[in-house]
Amino acid sequence: MTTSQRPRPAGPLPAATRAFALLGRRWNGLILVALAKGPAHFAQVRERVPGIGDRMLAQRLQELTAVGLVTRDVRPGPSSRTHYALSSHGNAFLIPLAALLVWAEDHLPASDSPAEGQ
């Protein structure tokens, strides 16, 4: 049996591992927070996530789209733009995200922000 054929163990530890693997990647959480403000085209997402480069943003948006948290909509026309939005799965993430942000405000000093140290 190959690794891809092995059944995934159920329960909170594997789920936590998958969640932290996704959210632990630099920028992913901040991009989801940025899209929680509403749909946006690429430049708007970049403005909402200070410090991220175009190449990294494109890569992370592609990853978040691939796992189904973000939708991508190309609008044709003279000035065609690609719009990004949270999918239904992404919107479902807003509930635990809100709880996480409240916890962070209450328990993590602002100076310990990972984004500030990098």
C-alpha atoms as a PDB file:
ATOM      1  CA  MET A   1       0.000   0.000   0.000  1.00  0.00           C
ATOM      2  CA  THR A   2       1.476   3.335  -1.014  1.00  0.00           C
ATOM      3  CA  THR A   3       1.374   6.474   1.105  1.00  0.00           C
ATOM      4  CA  SER A   4      -1.399   7.967  -1.031  1.00  0.00           C
ATOM      5  CA  GLN A   5      -3.534   4.824  -0.558  1.00  0.00           C
ATOM      6  CA  ARG A   6      -3.259   4.679   3.228  1.00  0.00           C
ATOM      7  CA  PRO A   7      -6.422   5.647   5.031  1.00  0.00           C
ATOM      8  CA  ARG A   8      -6.186   8.898   6.935  1.00  0.00           C
ATOM      9  CA  PRO A   9      -6.535   8.454  10.678  1.00  0.00           C
ATOM     10  CA  ALA A  10      -9.584  10.256  12.003  1.00  0.00           C
ATOM     11  CA  GLY A  11      -9.742  12.542  14.974  1.00  0.00           C
ATOM     12  CA  PRO A  12      -8.526  15.898  16.177  1.00  0.00           C
ATOM     13  CA  LEU A  13      -4.759  15.395  15.816  1.00  0.00           C
ATOM     14  CA  PRO A  14      -4.731  14.748  12.048  1.00  0.00           C
ATOM     15  CA  ALA A  15      -7.275  17.531  11.525  1.00  0.00           C
ATOM     16  CA  ALA A  16      -5.143  19.919  13.591  1.00  0.00           C
ATOM     17  CA  THR A  17      -2.067  18.872  11.634  1.00  0.00           C
ATOM     18  CA  ARG A  18      -3.791  19.676   8.331  1.00  0.00           C
ATOM     19  CA  ALA A  19      -5.181  22.992   9.612  1.00  0.00           C
ATOM     20  CA  PHE A  20      -1.862  24.194  11.019  1.00  0.00           C
ATOM     21  CA  ALA A  21       0.008  23.057   7.919  1.00  0.00           C
ATOM     22  CA  LEU A  22      -2.234  25.275   5.812  1.00  0.00           C
ATOM     23  CA  LEU A  23      -2.436  28.233   8.188  1.00  0.00           C
ATOM     24  CA  GLY A  24       1.192  27.913   9.224  1.00  0.00           C
ATOM     25  CA  ARG A  25       2.357  28.771   5.734  1.00  0.00           C
ATOM     26  CA  ARG A  26       3.374  32.382   5.730  1.00  0.00           C
ATOM     27  CA  TRP A  27       0.696  34.741   4.379  1.00  0.00           C
ATOM     28  CA  ASN A  28      -2.156  32.222   4.089  1.00  0.00           C
ATOM     29  CA  GLY A  29      -3.929  33.370   7.240  1.00  0.00           C
ATOM     30  CA  LEU A  30      -3.482  37.033   6.377  1.00  0.00           C
ATOM     31  CA  ILE A  31      -4.847  36.501   2.870  1.00  0.00           C
ATOM     32  CA  LEU A  32      -7.935  34.824   4.322  1.00  0.00           C
ATOM     33  CA  VAL A  33      -8.364  37.739   6.740  1.00  0.00           C
ATOM     34  CA  ALA A  34      -8.014  40.168   3.815  1.00  0.00           C
ATOM     35  CA  LEU A  35     -10.697  38.336   1.835  1.00  0.00           C
ATOM     36  CA  ALA A  36     -12.978  38.282   4.885  1.00  0.00           C
ATOM     37  CA  LYS A  37     -13.398  42.009   4.194  1.00  0.00           C
ATOM     38  CA  GLY A  38     -15.009  41.076   0.868  1.00  0.00           C
ATOM     39  CA  PRO A  39     -14.121  40.002  -2.655  1.00  0.00           C
ATOM     40  CA  ALA A  40     -11.144  41.750  -4.208  1.00  0.00           C
ATOM     41  CA  HIS A  41      -9.046  41.775  -7.315  1.00  0.00           C
ATOM     42  CA  PHE A  42      -5.362  40.933  -7.093  1.00  0.00           C
ATOM     43  CA  ALA A  43      -4.115  44.486  -6.420  1.00  0.00           C
ATOM     44  CA  GLN A  44      -6.707  44.985  -3.686  1.00  0.00           C
ATOM     45  CA  VAL A  45      -5.637  41.782  -1.950  1.00  0.00           C
ATOM     46  CA  ARG A  46      -2.018  42.955  -2.178  1.00  0.00           C
ATOM     47  CA  GLU A  47      -2.992  46.289  -0.574  1.00  0.00           C
ATOM     48  CA  ARG A  48      -4.801  44.479   2.232  1.00  0.00           C
ATOM     49  CA  VAL A  49      -1.745  42.290   2.961  1.00  0.00           C
ATOM     50  CA  PRO A  50       1.160  44.718   3.390  1.00  0.00           C
ATOM     51  CA  GLY A  51       4.590  43.321   2.645  1.00  0.00           C
ATOM     52  CA  ILE A  52       3.604  40.457   0.368  1.00  0.00           C
ATOM     53  CA  GLY A  53       5.135  40.353  -3.092  1.00  0.00           C
ATOM     54  CA  ASP A  54       3.195  39.721  -6.289  1.00  0.00           C
ATOM     55  CA  ARG A  55       4.767  36.339  -6.931  1.00  0.00           C
ATOM     56  CA  MET A  56       4.136  35.088  -3.383  1.00  0.00           C
ATOM     57  CA  LEU A  57       0.562  36.412  -3.421  1.00  0.00           C
ATOM     58  CA  ALA A  58      -0.144  34.657  -6.717  1.00  0.00           C
ATOM     59  CA  GLN A  59       1.279  31.403  -5.349  1.00  0.00           C
ATOM     60  CA  ARG A  60      -0.676  31.582  -2.086  1.00  0.00           C
ATOM     61  CA  LEU A  61      -3.937  32.504  -3.846  1.00  0.00           C
ATOM     62  CA  GLN A  62      -3.436  29.514  -6.131  1.00  0.00           C
ATOM     63  CA  GLU A  63      -2.895  27.229  -3.110  1.00  0.00           C
ATOM     64  CA  LEU A  64      -5.931  28.585  -1.255  1.00  0.00           C
ATOM     65  CA  THR A  65      -8.015  28.162  -4.407  1.00  0.00           C
ATOM     66  CA  ALA A  66      -6.762  24.597  -4.848  1.00  0.00           C
ATOM     67  CA  VAL A  67      -7.886  23.609  -1.325  1.00  0.00           C
ATOM     68  CA  GLY A  68     -11.262  25.245  -1.847  1.00  0.00           C
ATOM     69  CA  LEU A  69     -11.053  28.176   0.578  1.00  0.00           C
ATOM     70  CA  VAL A  70     -10.899  30.840  -2.129  1.00  0.00           C
ATOM     71  CA  THR A  71     -12.718  31.213  -5.435  1.00  0.00           C
ATOM     72  CA  ARG A  72     -11.202  32.798  -8.522  1.00  0.00           C
ATOM     73  CA  ASP A  73     -13.365  34.608 -11.053  1.00  0.00           C
ATOM     74  CA  VAL A  74     -11.845  36.057 -14.236  1.00  0.00           C
ATOM     75  CA  ARG A  75     -13.991  38.880 -15.551  1.00  0.00           C
ATOM     76  CA  PRO A  76     -13.355  39.474 -19.235  1.00  0.00           C
ATOM     77  CA  GLY A  77     -13.439  42.843 -20.868  1.00  0.00           C
ATOM     78  CA  PRO A  78     -11.139  45.646 -21.940  1.00  0.00           C
ATOM     79  CA  SER A  79      -9.601  45.722 -18.470  1.00  0.00           C
ATOM     80  CA  SER A  80     -10.127  42.119 -17.458  1.00  0.00           C
ATOM     81  CA  ARG A  81      -9.477  41.431 -13.823  1.00  0.00           C
ATOM     82  CA  THR A  82      -9.352  38.360 -11.684  1.00  0.00           C
ATOM     83  CA  HIS A  83     -11.465  38.617  -8.562  1.00  0.00           C
ATOM     84  CA  TYR A  84     -10.912  36.505  -5.488  1.00  0.00           C
ATOM     85  CA  ALA A  85     -13.406  35.754  -2.746  1.00  0.00           C
ATOM     86  CA  LEU A  86     -13.857  33.339   0.095  1.00  0.00           C
ATOM     87  CA  SER A  87     -15.689  30.196  -0.964  1.00  0.00           C
ATOM     88  CA  SER A  88     -18.376  28.654   1.235  1.00  0.00           C
ATOM     89  CA  HIS A  89     -15.565  26.698   2.948  1.00  0.00           C
ATOM     90  CA  GLY A  90     -13.613  29.923   3.367  1.00  0.00           C
ATOM     91  CA  ASN A  91     -16.649  31.657   4.845  1.00  0.00           C
ATOM     92  CA  ALA A  92     -17.091  28.757   7.270  1.00  0.00           C
ATOM     93  CA  PHE A  93     -13.527  29.485   8.419  1.00  0.00           C
ATOM     94  CA  LEU A  94     -14.588  32.969   9.595  1.00  0.00           C
ATOM     95  CA  ILE A  95     -16.167  31.542  12.766  1.00  0.00           C
ATOM     96  CA  PRO A  96     -12.995  29.915  14.140  1.00  0.00           C
ATOM     97  CA  LEU A  97     -10.967  32.823  12.748  1.00  0.00           C
ATOM     98  CA  ALA A  98     -12.981  35.298  14.824  1.00  0.00           C
ATOM     99  CA  ALA A  99     -12.410  33.190  17.932  1.00  0.00           C
ATOM    100  CA  LEU A 100      -8.679  32.973  17.149  1.00  0.00           C
ATOM    101  CA  LEU A 101      -8.426  36.757  16.724  1.00  0.00           C
ATOM    102  CA  VAL A 102     -10.213  37.402  20.037  1.00  0.00           C
ATOM    103  CA  TRP A 103      -7.880  34.950  21.751  1.00  0.00           C
ATOM    104  CA  ALA A 104      -4.811  36.575  20.144  1.00  0.00           C
ATOM    105  CA  GLU A 105      -5.926  40.063  21.241  1.00  0.00           C
ATOM    106  CA  ASP A 106      -6.424  38.822  24.805  1.00  0.00           C
ATOM    107  CA  HIS A 107      -3.369  36.603  25.164  1.00  0.00           C
ATOM    108  CA  LEU A 108      -0.596  37.577  22.743  1.00  0.00           C
ATOM    109  CA  PRO A 109       1.364  40.780  23.160  1.00  0.00           C
ATOM    110  CA  ALA A 110       1.453  42.879  19.991  1.00  0.00           C
ATOM    111  CA  SER A 111       5.262  42.899  19.983  1.00  0.00           C
ATOM    112  CA  ASP A 112       5.301  39.097  19.525  1.00  0.00           C
ATOM    113  CA  SER A 113       3.590  39.289  16.156  1.00  0.00           C
ATOM    114  CA  PRO A 114       5.361  36.858  13.766  1.00  0.00           C
ATOM    115  CA  ALA A 115       4.947  39.299  10.877  1.00  0.00           C
ATOM    116  CA  GLU A 116       6.932  41.952  12.756  1.00  0.00           C
ATOM    117  CA  GLY A 117       9.921  39.705  13.279  1.00  0.00           C
ATOM    118  CA  GLN A 118      10.281  38.621   9.665  1.00  0.00           C
END
